[in-house]
Amino acid sequence: MGRTIITYGKYFVDFYKKLDAQVQEKIEWVMELVKTAERIPKKYFDHLTNTDGLFEIRVEYKSNIYRIICFFDKDNLVVLINSFQKKTQKTPANEIKLAEGLKKQYFIDKKIDQKNESSSTKVKK
């Protein structure tokens, strides 16, 4: 079982760059687990309740908790859209709303890219 992880937008990358090296290492370890494990333990990956296909990658380092919101595109493509340091028990509604908007925009952009790709292929013939 192999999954591919990509990012969409700048949210995850900007967040990741601000973290210290130890936290980045832990995130990379969890990402490797997401890429390679057939069944990812719930401790590291879970569906976000009351959302349409949003998941969270869960990272804990020392007493800090980090969340990376993502979704699947096709079976084995995981798209990272936003991240934050979790300070409360419940995932903040504004983070879920942002993630839902980014997911929607991702599929709009993908459709546009596919149309453009299809058009350029027709022109080349």
Protein backbone atom coordinates (compact mmCIF):
# COMPACT_ATOMS: atom_id res chain seq x y z
CA MET A 1 0.00 0.00 0.00
CA GLY A 2 1.48 3.29 -1.00
CA ARG A 3 -0.04 6.73 -0.76
CA THR A 4 1.22 9.93 -2.28
CA ILE A 5 1.05 13.13 -0.27
CA ILE A 6 0.83 16.54 -1.94
CA THR A 7 0.06 20.02 -0.68
CA TYR A 8 -2.50 22.44 -2.01
CA GLY A 9 -2.18 26.14 -1.34
CA LYS A 10 0.38 27.62 1.00
CA TYR A 11 -1.19 26.93 4.38
CA PHE A 12 0.59 23.70 5.29
CA VAL A 13 3.98 24.75 3.93
CA ASP A 14 3.87 28.14 5.69
CA PHE A 15 2.90 26.46 8.96
CA TYR A 16 5.56 23.76 8.64
CA LYS A 17 8.37 26.25 7.94
CA LYS A 18 7.65 28.09 11.21
CA LEU A 19 8.03 24.96 13.36
CA ASP A 20 11.25 23.94 15.05
CA ALA A 21 13.30 21.06 13.64
CA GLN A 22 12.13 18.48 16.19
CA VAL A 23 8.46 19.09 15.41
CA GLN A 24 9.20 18.99 11.68
CA GLU A 25 10.93 15.62 12.21
CA LYS A 26 7.91 14.25 14.04
CA ILE A 27 5.58 15.48 11.28
CA GLU A 28 7.79 13.80 8.68
CA TRP A 29 7.69 10.54 10.67
CA VAL A 30 3.87 10.63 10.83
CA MET A 31 3.69 11.50 7.10
CA GLU A 32 5.81 8.44 6.34
CA LEU A 33 3.34 6.35 8.33
CA VAL A 34 0.44 7.85 6.35
CA LYS A 35 2.25 7.04 3.09
CA THR A 36 3.19 3.46 3.90
CA ALA A 37 0.90 1.89 6.50
CA GLU A 38 -1.95 -0.21 5.19
CA ARG A 39 -4.09 0.78 8.17
CA ILE A 40 -3.07 4.03 9.82
CA PRO A 41 -3.68 4.01 13.59
CA LYS A 42 -6.43 6.41 14.68
CA LYS A 43 -3.90 8.06 16.96
CA TYR A 44 -2.26 9.50 13.83
CA PHE A 45 -5.07 9.77 11.29
CA ASP A 46 -8.84 10.12 11.65
CA HIS A 47 -11.94 11.36 9.84
CA LEU A 48 -13.19 14.75 11.04
CA THR A 49 -16.71 14.28 12.36
CA ASN A 50 -19.51 16.10 10.52
CA THR A 51 -17.39 16.84 7.44
CA ASP A 52 -17.55 15.60 3.89
CA GLY A 53 -14.34 13.63 3.51
CA LEU A 54 -11.98 15.72 5.61
CA PHE A 55 -9.38 13.94 7.72
CA GLU A 56 -6.80 15.09 10.20
CA ILE A 57 -3.25 13.91 10.52
CA ARG A 58 -2.47 14.00 14.23
CA VAL A 59 0.96 14.87 15.53
CA GLU A 60 1.95 15.20 19.17
CA TYR A 61 5.32 16.48 20.28
CA LYS A 62 6.03 16.93 23.95
CA SER A 63 2.90 18.62 25.30
CA ASN A 64 1.92 20.20 21.97
CA ILE A 65 -0.70 18.87 19.57
CA TYR A 66 -0.66 19.67 15.86
CA ARG A 67 -3.28 18.91 13.24
CA ILE A 68 -2.92 18.76 9.48
CA ILE A 69 -6.24 18.71 7.66
CA CYS A 70 -6.33 16.73 4.45
CA PHE A 71 -8.56 14.78 2.08
CA PHE A 72 -8.25 12.04 -0.51
CA ASP A 73 -8.25 12.65 -4.25
CA LYS A 74 -8.65 9.26 -5.87
CA ASP A 75 -7.69 6.31 -3.70
CA ASN A 76 -4.08 6.91 -2.76
CA LEU A 77 -3.53 10.64 -3.12
CA VAL A 78 -3.65 12.58 0.14
CA VAL A 79 -3.94 16.35 -0.26
CA LEU A 80 -2.73 18.49 2.67
CA ILE A 81 -4.64 21.75 2.90
CA ASN A 82 -4.15 23.45 6.24
CA SER A 83 -2.57 22.96 9.64
CA PHE A 84 -2.61 24.43 13.10
CA GLN A 85 -1.53 23.88 16.65
CA LYS A 86 -4.47 22.53 18.58
CA LYS A 87 -5.15 24.26 21.88
CA THR A 88 -8.65 23.01 22.67
CA GLN A 89 -10.34 19.61 22.73
CA LYS A 90 -12.49 20.37 19.70
CA THR A 91 -11.15 21.24 16.25
CA PRO A 92 -11.89 24.96 15.74
CA ALA A 93 -14.85 25.60 13.41
CA ASN A 94 -12.90 28.26 11.48
CA GLU A 95 -10.20 25.67 10.62
CA ILE A 96 -12.84 23.24 9.33
CA LYS A 97 -14.53 25.99 7.31
CA LEU A 98 -11.19 27.00 5.79
CA ALA A 99 -10.43 23.36 4.94
CA GLU A 100 -13.83 22.84 3.32
CA GLY A 101 -13.31 25.92 1.15
CA LEU A 102 -9.81 24.80 0.16
CA LYS A 103 -11.04 21.32 -0.74
CA LYS A 104 -13.78 22.78 -2.93
CA GLN A 105 -11.29 25.14 -4.63
CA TYR A 106 -8.85 22.27 -5.19
CA PHE A 107 -11.41 20.34 -7.25
CA ILE A 108 -12.40 23.49 -9.18
CA ASP A 109 -8.74 24.13 -10.03
CA LYS A 110 -8.23 20.47 -10.96
CA LYS A 111 -11.17 20.60 -13.36
CA ILE A 112 -9.80 23.78 -14.97
CA ASP A 113 -6.34 22.18 -15.30
CA GLN A 114 -7.85 19.10 -16.94
CA LYS A 115 -9.79 21.24 -19.43
CA ASN A 116 -6.68 23.26 -20.25
CA GLU A 117 -4.64 20.08 -20.65
CA SER A 118 -7.30 18.60 -22.91
CA SER A 119 -7.42 21.79 -25.01
CA SER A 120 -3.64 21.95 -25.44
CA THR A 121 -3.54 18.30 -26.50
CA LYS A 122 -6.14 18.96 -29.20
CA VAL A 123 -4.21 21.99 -30.48
CA LYS A 124 -0.92 20.03 -30.73
CA LYS A 125 -2.41 17.42 -33.09
